[in-house]
Structures are given as structure tokens and as C-alpha cells.
């Protein structure tokens, strides 16, 4: 039976203290509008033998002016039903007034937070790190689970945990995809029927680009990325960015990097009014 928690007092009363836990406590943070990708995080936590607390909170700090905070899908009833079906022990869905200061001044950031999605959404990752660190502090989990779809976010959370010495382990979970390859996202419901038909082209074109990016090709990286942007435009996307990054630093790779190193291909593109993001790994043999 899932215990529904809305206040900090209820949270403090509900959770066992670290020394009294019979099993590890795992945190699965979400913004709600749950789909199979979110469920896969919960299932992974349960497979790992943990008790699970999932949060449902649309974080106002990570939305900029003119973004979709007001229309972001809120489906609390079905979200709680889904969490109960997955057997989570606790579902925490606080009001913003409980956990967000009226005039927040403390900021957690990192140079990578200003790149890629951060360049298009100034302050976004500061808002993410602020609320994630708050949940870490309030819940005190042994583990926390995050999907790889938001790869830049995952990198920044891992860096925060490492540098601020949070006593927990971050466990990444592979991107959960629709049968046609589209990465699952709560924002996919914004897509029209025609846009939904086109949307899987994002990962397909990224995969094709990866497969031609081989050592013997001697491709110019800038030209290679521009070609990917051009092909996305042909399919009806408005590319935001395409980037090839080094996994350990998340900094852009350039022509001076060793050709045997692995990489991550990142892309963000608009389709209609919906901004889609995705990423794929490029193993060393492709670089």
C-alpha cells in the first residue's frame, strides 16, 4: 500500500531513519505525467531490492519566462495510481510553498550547466539542481534513479553528488523508448498526430550519423554536425543544437581529441511547439 505524503511533517514521520532501515531507500524524482519511462525507474529500484519513494513535483525553478510551466501536464490522480501499481512505499507530492523559498538566493551550478540545453534555457539546470538537492536533503536516500534521456541533467546531478559529498549513489537507467524509437517524455503529448509520426526521425537521423562517423571516414566534425542539422531541417525539425561531447567532462569534442575516445551525441530540436531532446553513445570504434 502506497502512503501518500504532501507535507514535510508527514515526510519526517513516515520515513525510517538511516540506522533503522531494513532495506536501502531509493528516491525516484519525477515531475509527474508519468509514463513507462518513469515506471522503468521505479522497477529498476525495486529490482535492486530497495524501498522506494517517488516524488511528483512540477518544479517552478527550472522553467524560464515564456516556457511551459502553466501548461505542463499535471495528472496527479493517474500518477498516484501508477505508483501504487508499481508498489512504491511512499509517494511525495508537496505544494511548492512547502519546499521552494519565495525568493531563492542560494544557487548550485556548474560550467556545463551553461552549455547545450543550458544555453537555450538559462537558469534551467540551477533550478533542477536546487530542487534535486532539496529532495536529497529531505529524504536522505541511499540511492537515486535518473533516466539517461536527460543526459546533461544526469551528468550535472552526478557532479553535484560527487563534489558536495552527498552520501548516496546515483543509478542511471537507460532511455525508455516507444516501439518506433522515440524517447518517452511527458512533453510528447504536446505533439500533433503528424508531428508524432515525424518525431522518431530525430533518433533515427542521429543513429545514421553515428554509423557514418567511423575512423576511416576522416570527417570534419563541424561539417558532420551541420549535415545532421540540415537533414533534421529536411524532416521538419528546427534544430536547437547538435553536439559531440566527451563523457567524463561533458565538454565539446574538437579535432584535437584522440580518435579512439568514446563520445556522446546530443541533439535538441523543435517540432512544432514541442522541444525534443535525445542522445546516443558513440563507442570508441566509431570515433
C-alpha atoms as a PDB file:
ATOM      1  CA  UNK A   1       0.000   0.000   0.000  1.00  0.00           C
ATOM      2  CA  UNK A   2       1.483   3.323  -1.078  1.00  0.00           C
ATOM      3  CA  UNK A   3       1.497   6.046   1.553  1.00  0.00           C
ATOM      4  CA  UNK A   4       0.627   9.456   0.094  1.00  0.00           C
ATOM      5  CA  UNK A   5       2.611  12.325   1.605  1.00  0.00           C
ATOM      6  CA  UNK A   6       2.016  16.025   0.999  1.00  0.00           C
ATOM      7  CA  UNK A   7       3.821  17.853   3.836  1.00  0.00           C
ATOM      8  CA  UNK A   8       7.289  17.883   5.352  1.00  0.00           C
ATOM      9  CA  UNK A   9       5.857  16.842   8.713  1.00  0.00           C
ATOM     10  CA  UNK A  10       4.261  13.771   7.151  1.00  0.00           C
ATOM     11  CA  UNK A  11       7.533  13.003   5.363  1.00  0.00           C
ATOM     12  CA  UNK A  12       9.556  13.158   8.580  1.00  0.00           C
ATOM     13  CA  UNK A  13       7.041  10.942  10.374  1.00  0.00           C
ATOM     14  CA  UNK A  14       6.837   8.388   7.570  1.00  0.00           C
ATOM     15  CA  UNK A  15      10.452   7.643   6.672  1.00  0.00           C
ATOM     16  CA  UNK A  16      12.621   5.313   8.730  1.00  0.00           C
ATOM     17  CA  UNK A  17      15.889   6.761   9.979  1.00  0.00           C
ATOM     18  CA  UNK A  18      19.011   5.532   8.155  1.00  0.00           C
ATOM     19  CA  UNK A  19      20.052   3.285  11.036  1.00  0.00           C
ATOM     20  CA  UNK A  20      16.609   1.696  11.247  1.00  0.00           C
ATOM     21  CA  UNK A  21      16.199   0.759   7.584  1.00  0.00           C
ATOM     22  CA  UNK A  22      15.763  -2.915   6.820  1.00  0.00           C
ATOM     23  CA  UNK A  23      16.444  -2.252   3.131  1.00  0.00           C
ATOM     24  CA  UNK A  24      18.052   0.592   1.165  1.00  0.00           C
ATOM     25  CA  UNK A  25      15.847   3.606   0.495  1.00  0.00           C
ATOM     26  CA  UNK A  26      15.723   4.709  -3.135  1.00  0.00           C
ATOM     27  CA  UNK A  27      14.447   8.013  -4.493  1.00  0.00           C
ATOM     28  CA  UNK A  28      12.803   8.390  -7.911  1.00  0.00           C
ATOM     29  CA  UNK A  29      12.210  12.112  -8.578  1.00  0.00           C
ATOM     30  CA  UNK A  30       9.610  12.958 -11.248  1.00  0.00           C
ATOM     31  CA  UNK A  31       7.589  15.914 -12.452  1.00  0.00           C
ATOM     32  CA  UNK A  32       4.536  13.725 -12.907  1.00  0.00           C
ATOM     33  CA  UNK A  33       2.603  12.935 -16.099  1.00  0.00           C
ATOM     34  CA  UNK A  34       4.107   9.505 -15.599  1.00  0.00           C
ATOM     35  CA  UNK A  35       4.815   7.145 -18.498  1.00  0.00           C
ATOM     36  CA  UNK A  36       6.605   3.839 -18.934  1.00  0.00           C
ATOM     37  CA  UNK A  37       9.960   5.561 -18.683  1.00  0.00           C
ATOM     38  CA  UNK A  38       9.162   6.687 -15.139  1.00  0.00           C
ATOM     39  CA  UNK A  39       7.828   3.242 -14.311  1.00  0.00           C
ATOM     40  CA  UNK A  40      11.105   1.726 -15.530  1.00  0.00           C
ATOM     41  CA  UNK A  41      12.976   3.806 -12.938  1.00  0.00           C
ATOM     42  CA  UNK A  42      10.732   2.509 -10.170  1.00  0.00           C
ATOM     43  CA  UNK A  43      11.030  -1.069 -11.412  1.00  0.00           C
ATOM     44  CA  UNK A  44      14.817  -0.816 -11.516  1.00  0.00           C
ATOM     45  CA  UNK A  45      14.868   0.466  -7.933  1.00  0.00           C
ATOM     46  CA  UNK A  46      12.652  -2.379  -6.800  1.00  0.00           C
ATOM     47  CA  UNK A  47      14.736  -4.932  -8.715  1.00  0.00           C
ATOM     48  CA  UNK A  48      17.721  -3.620  -6.775  1.00  0.00           C
ATOM     49  CA  UNK A  49      15.976  -4.580  -3.545  1.00  0.00           C
ATOM     50  CA  UNK A  50      15.096  -1.133  -2.260  1.00  0.00           C
ATOM     51  CA  UNK A  51      12.157   0.575  -0.655  1.00  0.00           C
ATOM     52  CA  UNK A  52      11.074   3.351  -2.995  1.00  0.00           C
ATOM     53  CA  UNK A  53       9.942   6.920  -2.506  1.00  0.00           C
ATOM     54  CA  UNK A  54       8.820   8.688  -5.681  1.00  0.00           C
ATOM     55  CA  UNK A  55       8.217  12.406  -5.897  1.00  0.00           C
ATOM     56  CA  UNK A  56       5.660  14.120  -8.126  1.00  0.00           C
ATOM     57  CA  UNK A  57       6.517  17.801  -8.308  1.00  0.00           C
ATOM     58  CA  UNK A  58       6.467  20.276 -11.190  1.00  0.00           C
ATOM     59  CA  UNK A  59       9.467  22.366 -10.216  1.00  0.00           C
ATOM     60  CA  UNK A  60       8.875  26.073 -10.934  1.00  0.00           C
ATOM     61  CA  UNK A  61      12.579  26.855 -10.538  1.00  0.00           C
ATOM     62  CA  UNK A  62      13.552  25.022 -13.729  1.00  0.00           C
ATOM     63  CA  UNK A  63      11.136  26.869 -16.020  1.00  0.00           C
ATOM     64  CA  UNK A  64      12.153  30.167 -17.586  1.00  0.00           C
ATOM     65  CA  UNK A  65       9.957  33.063 -18.702  1.00  0.00           C
ATOM     66  CA  UNK A  66       7.678  32.042 -21.554  1.00  0.00           C
ATOM     67  CA  UNK A  67       8.244  28.302 -21.033  1.00  0.00           C
ATOM     68  CA  UNK A  68       5.513  25.767 -20.453  1.00  0.00           C
ATOM     69  CA  UNK A  69       5.194  25.780 -16.652  1.00  0.00           C
ATOM     70  CA  UNK A  70       1.490  26.644 -16.693  1.00  0.00           C
ATOM     71  CA  UNK A  71       0.565  24.085 -19.339  1.00  0.00           C
ATOM     72  CA  UNK A  72       2.955  21.337 -18.271  1.00  0.00           C
ATOM     73  CA  UNK A  73       0.767  18.217 -17.931  1.00  0.00           C
ATOM     74  CA  UNK A  74      -0.447  17.594 -14.397  1.00  0.00           C
ATOM     75  CA  UNK A  75      -2.110  14.202 -13.943  1.00  0.00           C
ATOM     76  CA  UNK A  76      -1.816  13.597 -10.215  1.00  0.00           C
ATOM     77  CA  UNK A  77      -4.652  11.075  -9.943  1.00  0.00           C
ATOM     78  CA  UNK A  78      -3.287   8.744 -12.624  1.00  0.00           C
ATOM     79  CA  UNK A  79       0.274   9.329 -11.384  1.00  0.00           C
ATOM     80  CA  UNK A  80      -0.597   8.119  -7.891  1.00  0.00           C
ATOM     81  CA  UNK A  81      -2.437   5.132  -9.345  1.00  0.00           C
ATOM     82  CA  UNK A  82       0.644   4.254 -11.427  1.00  0.00           C
ATOM     83  CA  UNK A  83       2.935   4.490  -8.405  1.00  0.00           C
ATOM     84  CA  UNK A  84       0.597   2.251  -6.426  1.00  0.00           C
ATOM     85  CA  UNK A  85       0.596  -0.269  -9.273  1.00  0.00           C
ATOM     86  CA  UNK A  86       4.396  -0.282  -9.201  1.00  0.00           C
ATOM     87  CA  UNK A  87       4.378  -0.868  -5.444  1.00  0.00           C
ATOM     88  CA  UNK A  88       6.251   2.208  -4.236  1.00  0.00           C
ATOM     89  CA  UNK A  89       6.158   2.603  -0.486  1.00  0.00           C
ATOM     90  CA  UNK A  90       5.811   6.397  -0.454  1.00  0.00           C
ATOM     91  CA  UNK A  91       4.563   8.999  -2.953  1.00  0.00           C
ATOM     92  CA  UNK A  92       5.579  12.552  -2.038  1.00  0.00           C
ATOM     93  CA  UNK A  93       3.708  15.323  -3.858  1.00  0.00           C
ATOM     94  CA  UNK A  94       4.308  18.563  -1.941  1.00  0.00           C
ATOM     95  CA  UNK A  95       2.995  22.023  -2.639  1.00  0.00           C
ATOM     96  CA  UNK A  96       5.652  24.433  -3.903  1.00  0.00           C
ATOM     97  CA  UNK A  97       5.200  26.545  -0.772  1.00  0.00           C
ATOM     98  CA  UNK A  98       6.475  23.607   1.289  1.00  0.00           C
ATOM     99  CA  UNK A  99       9.860  23.261  -0.401  1.00  0.00           C
ATOM    100  CA  UNK A 100      10.578  26.310  -2.612  1.00  0.00           C
ATOM    101  CA  UNK A 101      11.612  29.612  -0.981  1.00  0.00           C
ATOM    102  CA  UNK A 102       9.737  32.696  -2.106  1.00  0.00           C
ATOM    103  CA  UNK A 103      12.962  34.454  -3.110  1.00  0.00           C
ATOM    104  CA  UNK A 104      15.609  31.760  -3.526  1.00  0.00           C
ATOM    105  CA  UNK A 105      19.155  33.100  -3.405  1.00  0.00           C
ATOM    106  CA  UNK A 106      21.299  30.006  -2.922  1.00  0.00           C
ATOM    107  CA  UNK A 107      22.333  28.598  -6.278  1.00  0.00           C
ATOM    108  CA  UNK A 108      24.119  25.404  -7.277  1.00  0.00           C
ATOM    109  CA  UNK A 109      25.664  25.491 -10.713  1.00  0.00           C
ATOM    110  CA  UNK A 110      28.490  24.152 -12.872  1.00  0.00           C
ATOM    111  CA  UNK A 111      30.156  25.393 -16.096  1.00  0.00           C
ATOM    112  CA  UNK A 112      28.451  22.622 -18.108  1.00  0.00           C
ATOM    113  CA  UNK A 113      25.062  23.971 -16.946  1.00  0.00           C
ATOM    114  CA  UNK A 114      25.549  26.876 -19.357  1.00  0.00           C
ATOM    115  CA  UNK A 115      26.080  24.675 -22.424  1.00  0.00           C
ATOM    116  CA  UNK A 116      23.688  22.826 -24.771  1.00  0.00           C
ATOM    117  CA  UNK A 117      20.223  22.847 -23.118  1.00  0.00           C
ATOM    118  CA  UNK A 118      21.541  25.361 -20.585  1.00  0.00           C
ATOM    119  CA  UNK A 119      22.411  27.821 -23.349  1.00  0.00           C
ATOM    120  CA  UNK A 120      18.839  27.659 -24.644  1.00  0.00           C
ATOM    121  CA  UNK A 121      17.246  27.610 -21.198  1.00  0.00           C
ATOM    122  CA  UNK A 122      19.253  29.950 -18.911  1.00  0.00           C
ATOM    123  CA  UNK A 123      18.885  29.016 -15.248  1.00  0.00           C
ATOM    124  CA  UNK A 124      17.189  25.708 -16.030  1.00  0.00           C
ATOM    125  CA  UNK A 125      19.831  23.473 -14.526  1.00  0.00           C
ATOM    126  CA  UNK A 126      20.275  25.706 -11.494  1.00  0.00           C
ATOM    127  CA  UNK A 127      16.592  25.099 -10.822  1.00  0.00           C
ATOM    128  CA  UNK A 128      16.981  21.351 -11.338  1.00  0.00           C
ATOM    129  CA  UNK A 129      19.996  21.071  -9.030  1.00  0.00           C
ATOM    130  CA  UNK A 130      18.330  23.218  -6.391  1.00  0.00           C
ATOM    131  CA  UNK A 131      15.223  21.051  -6.083  1.00  0.00           C
ATOM    132  CA  UNK A 132      17.057  17.725  -6.513  1.00  0.00           C
ATOM    133  CA  UNK A 133      19.461  18.665  -3.725  1.00  0.00           C
ATOM    134  CA  UNK A 134      16.460  19.637  -1.582  1.00  0.00           C
ATOM    135  CA  UNK A 135      14.900  16.200  -2.110  1.00  0.00           C
ATOM    136  CA  UNK A 136      18.232  14.525  -1.301  1.00  0.00           C
ATOM    137  CA  UNK A 137      18.355  16.504   1.943  1.00  0.00           C
ATOM    138  CA  UNK A 138      14.743  15.830   2.922  1.00  0.00           C
ATOM    139  CA  UNK A 139      14.595  12.135   2.009  1.00  0.00           C
ATOM    140  CA  UNK A 140      18.157  11.043   2.756  1.00  0.00           C
ATOM    141  CA  UNK A 141      18.094   8.215   0.190  1.00  0.00           C
ATOM    142  CA  UNK A 142      20.762   5.572  -0.217  1.00  0.00           C
ATOM    143  CA  UNK A 143      20.257   5.660  -3.995  1.00  0.00           C
ATOM    144  CA  UNK A 144      18.556   7.877  -6.553  1.00  0.00           C
ATOM    145  CA  UNK A 145      17.478   6.852 -10.054  1.00  0.00           C
ATOM    146  CA  UNK A 146      17.550   9.071 -13.138  1.00  0.00           C
ATOM    147  CA  UNK A 147      16.951   8.286 -16.797  1.00  0.00           C
ATOM    148  CA  UNK A 148      19.637   8.793 -19.425  1.00  0.00           C
ATOM    149  CA  UNK A 149      17.305  10.693 -21.744  1.00  0.00           C
ATOM    150  CA  UNK A 150      18.204  13.907 -19.932  1.00  0.00           C
ATOM    151  CA  UNK A 151      21.915  13.137 -20.227  1.00  0.00           C
ATOM    152  CA  UNK A 152      23.190  16.615 -19.400  1.00  0.00           C
ATOM    153  CA  UNK A 153      20.976  16.716 -16.329  1.00  0.00           C
ATOM    154  CA  UNK A 154      22.281  13.312 -15.259  1.00  0.00           C
ATOM    155  CA  UNK A 155      25.893  14.473 -15.640  1.00  0.00           C
ATOM    156  CA  UNK A 156      25.264  17.589 -13.540  1.00  0.00           C
ATOM    157  CA  UNK A 157      23.490  15.666 -10.772  1.00  0.00           C
ATOM    158  CA  UNK A 158      26.364  13.164 -10.654  1.00  0.00           C
ATOM    159  CA  UNK A 159      28.842  16.046 -10.398  1.00  0.00           C
ATOM    160  CA  UNK A 160      26.826  17.691  -7.616  1.00  0.00           C
ATOM    161  CA  UNK A 161      26.691  14.466  -5.617  1.00  0.00           C
ATOM    162  CA  UNK A 162      30.423  13.941  -6.068  1.00  0.00           C
ATOM    163  CA  UNK A 163      31.565  17.467  -5.262  1.00  0.00           C
ATOM    164  CA  UNK A 164      29.146  18.149  -2.377  1.00  0.00           C
ATOM    165  CA  UNK A 165      29.721  14.687  -0.873  1.00  0.00           C
ATOM    166  CA  UNK A 166      26.092  13.605  -0.756  1.00  0.00           C
ATOM    167  CA  UNK A 167      26.075  10.172   0.923  1.00  0.00           C
ATOM    168  CA  UNK A 168      24.146   8.405  -1.823  1.00  0.00           C
ATOM    169  CA  UNK A 169      24.631   6.606  -5.117  1.00  0.00           C
ATOM    170  CA  UNK A 170      23.235   7.806  -8.446  1.00  0.00           C
ATOM    171  CA  UNK A 171      21.999   4.925 -10.599  1.00  0.00           C
ATOM    172  CA  UNK A 172      21.374   5.819 -14.262  1.00  0.00           C
ATOM    173  CA  UNK A 173      18.698   3.937 -16.213  1.00  0.00           C
ATOM    174  CA  UNK A 174      18.675   3.545 -19.997  1.00  0.00           C
ATOM    175  CA  UNK A 175      16.317   5.720 -22.027  1.00  0.00           C
ATOM    176  CA  UNK A 176      12.918   4.081 -22.382  1.00  0.00           C
ATOM    177  CA  UNK A 177      11.655   4.324 -25.949  1.00  0.00           C
ATOM    178  CA  UNK A 178       8.447   3.856 -27.875  1.00  0.00           C
ATOM    179  CA  UNK A 179       8.409   0.928 -30.348  1.00  0.00           C
ATOM    180  CA  UNK A 180       9.325   3.371 -33.148  1.00  0.00           C
ATOM    181  CA  UNK A 181      12.342   4.675 -31.218  1.00  0.00           C
ATOM    182  CA  UNK A 182      11.016   7.974 -29.863  1.00  0.00           C
ATOM    183  CA  UNK A 183      12.350   8.644 -26.369  1.00  0.00           C
ATOM    184  CA  UNK A 184       9.466   8.714 -23.916  1.00  0.00           C
ATOM    185  CA  UNK A 185       8.745  12.145 -22.466  1.00  0.00           C
ATOM    186  CA  UNK A 186       5.818  13.775 -20.725  1.00  0.00           C
ATOM    187  CA  UNK A 187       6.002  16.538 -23.342  1.00  0.00           C
ATOM    188  CA  UNK A 188       5.367  14.077 -26.187  1.00  0.00           C
ATOM    189  CA  UNK A 189       1.657  14.570 -25.533  1.00  0.00           C
ATOM    190  CA  UNK A 190       2.049  18.087 -26.971  1.00  0.00           C
ATOM    191  CA  UNK A 191       2.758  16.597 -30.420  1.00  0.00           C
ATOM    192  CA  UNK A 192       0.056  16.612 -33.058  1.00  0.00           C
ATOM    193  CA  UNK A 193      -0.692  13.350 -34.870  1.00  0.00           C
ATOM    194  CA  UNK A 194       1.504  14.352 -37.818  1.00  0.00           C
ATOM    195  CA  UNK A 195       4.314  15.592 -35.560  1.00  0.00           C
ATOM    196  CA  UNK A 196       4.184  12.335 -33.624  1.00  0.00           C
ATOM    197  CA  UNK A 197       4.703  10.487 -36.904  1.00  0.00           C
ATOM    198  CA  UNK A 198       7.800  12.581 -37.670  1.00  0.00           C
ATOM    199  CA  UNK A 199       9.268  12.689 -34.143  1.00  0.00           C
ATOM    200  CA  UNK A 200      11.147   9.325 -34.281  1.00  0.00           C
ATOM    201  CA  UNK A 201      13.216  10.749 -37.150  1.00  0.00           C
ATOM    202  CA  UNK A 202      15.288  12.577 -34.529  1.00  0.00           C
ATOM    203  CA  UNK A 203      16.886   9.458 -33.096  1.00  0.00           C
ATOM    204  CA  UNK A 204      16.941   7.722 -36.484  1.00  0.00           C
ATOM    205  CA  UNK A 205      18.982  10.511 -38.061  1.00  0.00           C
ATOM    206  CA  UNK A 206      21.258  10.664 -35.020  1.00  0.00           C
ATOM    207  CA  UNK A 207      21.842   6.916 -35.317  1.00  0.00           C
ATOM    208  CA  UNK A 208      22.613   7.213 -39.022  1.00  0.00           C
ATOM    209  CA  UNK A 209      25.079   9.998 -38.264  1.00  0.00           C
ATOM    210  CA  UNK A 210      26.756   7.831 -35.634  1.00  0.00           C
ATOM    211  CA  UNK A 211      27.089   4.957 -38.061  1.00  0.00           C
ATOM    212  CA  UNK A 212      28.883   7.018 -40.715  1.00  0.00           C
ATOM    213  CA  UNK A 213      31.191   8.583 -38.135  1.00  0.00           C
ATOM    214  CA  UNK A 214      33.945   5.976 -38.368  1.00  0.00           C
ATOM    215  CA  UNK A 215      37.740   6.296 -38.029  1.00  0.00           C
ATOM    216  CA  UNK A 216      38.368   5.752 -41.729  1.00  0.00           C
ATOM    217  CA  UNK A 217      35.885   8.431 -42.797  1.00  0.00           C
ATOM    218  CA  UNK A 218      38.132  11.338 -41.745  1.00  0.00           C
ATOM    219  CA  UNK A 219      35.036  13.503 -41.434  1.00  0.00           C
ATOM    220  CA  UNK A 220      35.297  17.113 -40.380  1.00  0.00           C
ATOM    221  CA  UNK A 221      33.302  17.215 -37.146  1.00  0.00           C
ATOM    222  CA  UNK A 222      31.772  20.631 -37.711  1.00  0.00           C
ATOM    223  CA  UNK A 223      30.708  19.650 -41.212  1.00  0.00           C
ATOM    224  CA  UNK A 224      29.353  16.359 -39.913  1.00  0.00           C
ATOM    225  CA  UNK A 225      27.179  18.093 -37.323  1.00  0.00           C
ATOM    226  CA  UNK A 226      25.984  20.694 -39.814  1.00  0.00           C
ATOM    227  CA  UNK A 227      24.961  17.860 -42.124  1.00  0.00           C
ATOM    228  CA  UNK A 228      22.891  16.334 -39.316  1.00  0.00           C
ATOM    229  CA  UNK A 229      21.214  19.692 -38.677  1.00  0.00           C
ATOM    230  CA  UNK A 230      20.443  20.027 -42.393  1.00  0.00           C
ATOM    231  CA  UNK A 231      18.855  16.579 -42.517  1.00  0.00           C
ATOM    232  CA  UNK A 232      16.751  17.394 -39.442  1.00  0.00           C
ATOM    233  CA  UNK A 233      15.506  20.558 -41.146  1.00  0.00           C
ATOM    234  CA  UNK A 234      14.570  18.499 -44.200  1.00  0.00           C
ATOM    235  CA  UNK A 235      12.315  16.361 -41.984  1.00  0.00           C
ATOM    236  CA  UNK A 236      10.546  19.375 -40.493  1.00  0.00           C
ATOM    237  CA  UNK A 237      12.570  19.968 -37.302  1.00  0.00           C
ATOM    238  CA  UNK A 238      14.036  23.273 -36.154  1.00  0.00           C
ATOM    239  CA  UNK A 239      17.371  22.221 -34.649  1.00  0.00           C
ATOM    240  CA  UNK A 240      18.388  23.907 -31.421  1.00  0.00           C
ATOM    241  CA  UNK A 241      21.809  22.293 -31.128  1.00  0.00           C
ATOM    242  CA  UNK A 242      23.806  19.238 -32.110  1.00  0.00           C
ATOM    243  CA  UNK A 243      26.910  18.451 -30.064  1.00  0.00           C
ATOM    244  CA  UNK A 244      29.526  15.748 -29.698  1.00  0.00           C
ATOM    245  CA  UNK A 245      30.748  15.633 -26.111  1.00  0.00           C
ATOM    246  CA  UNK A 246      33.356  13.865 -24.032  1.00  0.00           C
ATOM    247  CA  UNK A 247      31.535  11.659 -21.474  1.00  0.00           C
ATOM    248  CA  UNK A 248      33.781  12.386 -18.466  1.00  0.00           C
ATOM    249  CA  UNK A 249      33.778  16.176 -18.785  1.00  0.00           C
ATOM    250  CA  UNK A 250      30.718  16.774 -20.965  1.00  0.00           C
ATOM    251  CA  UNK A 251      32.742  19.351 -22.886  1.00  0.00           C
ATOM    252  CA  UNK A 252      32.579  19.547 -26.690  1.00  0.00           C
ATOM    253  CA  UNK A 253      34.988  17.360 -28.609  1.00  0.00           C
ATOM    254  CA  UNK A 254      37.132  19.043 -31.229  1.00  0.00           C
ATOM    255  CA  UNK A 255      39.528  17.889 -33.898  1.00  0.00           C
ATOM    256  CA  UNK A 256      42.425  17.665 -31.445  1.00  0.00           C
ATOM    257  CA  UNK A 257      40.821  14.975 -29.297  1.00  0.00           C
ATOM    258  CA  UNK A 258      42.209  11.453 -29.665  1.00  0.00           C
ATOM    259  CA  UNK A 259      40.277   9.499 -32.296  1.00  0.00           C
ATOM    260  CA  UNK A 260      39.991   6.403 -30.131  1.00  0.00           C
ATOM    261  CA  UNK A 261      37.940   8.089 -27.381  1.00  0.00           C
ATOM    262  CA  UNK A 262      34.201   7.407 -26.947  1.00  0.00           C
ATOM    263  CA  UNK A 263      31.690  10.219 -27.172  1.00  0.00           C
ATOM    264  CA  UNK A 264      28.048  11.157 -26.674  1.00  0.00           C
ATOM    265  CA  UNK A 265      25.995  12.701 -29.456  1.00  0.00           C
ATOM    266  CA  UNK A 266      23.447  15.195 -28.111  1.00  0.00           C
ATOM    267  CA  UNK A 267      20.663  16.900 -30.012  1.00  0.00           C
ATOM    268  CA  UNK A 268      17.700  19.124 -29.298  1.00  0.00           C
ATOM    269  CA  UNK A 269      15.172  20.199 -31.915  1.00  0.00           C
ATOM    270  CA  UNK A 270      11.757  21.789 -32.087  1.00  0.00           C
ATOM    271  CA  UNK A 271       8.911  20.034 -33.829  1.00  0.00           C
ATOM    272  CA  UNK A 272       6.008  22.424 -33.960  1.00  0.00           C
ATOM    273  CA  UNK A 273       5.743  23.845 -30.448  1.00  0.00           C
ATOM    274  CA  UNK A 274       7.427  20.854 -28.809  1.00  0.00           C
ATOM    275  CA  UNK A 275      11.116  20.742 -27.965  1.00  0.00           C
ATOM    276  CA  UNK A 276      12.556  17.223 -28.190  1.00  0.00           C
ATOM    277  CA  UNK A 277      15.917  16.100 -26.821  1.00  0.00           C
ATOM    278  CA  UNK A 278      17.832  12.866 -27.280  1.00  0.00           C
ATOM    279  CA  UNK A 279      21.314  11.416 -27.053  1.00  0.00           C
ATOM    280  CA  UNK A 280      23.161   8.315 -28.166  1.00  0.00           C
ATOM    281  CA  UNK A 281      26.512   6.856 -27.185  1.00  0.00           C
ATOM    282  CA  UNK A 282      29.247   6.627 -29.783  1.00  0.00           C
ATOM    283  CA  UNK A 283      31.617   3.824 -28.793  1.00  0.00           C
ATOM    284  CA  UNK A 284      35.330   4.201 -29.366  1.00  0.00           C
ATOM    285  CA  UNK A 285      35.236   2.085 -32.518  1.00  0.00           C
ATOM    286  CA  UNK A 286      33.026   4.723 -34.187  1.00  0.00           C
ATOM    287  CA  UNK A 287      35.138   7.735 -33.316  1.00  0.00           C
END
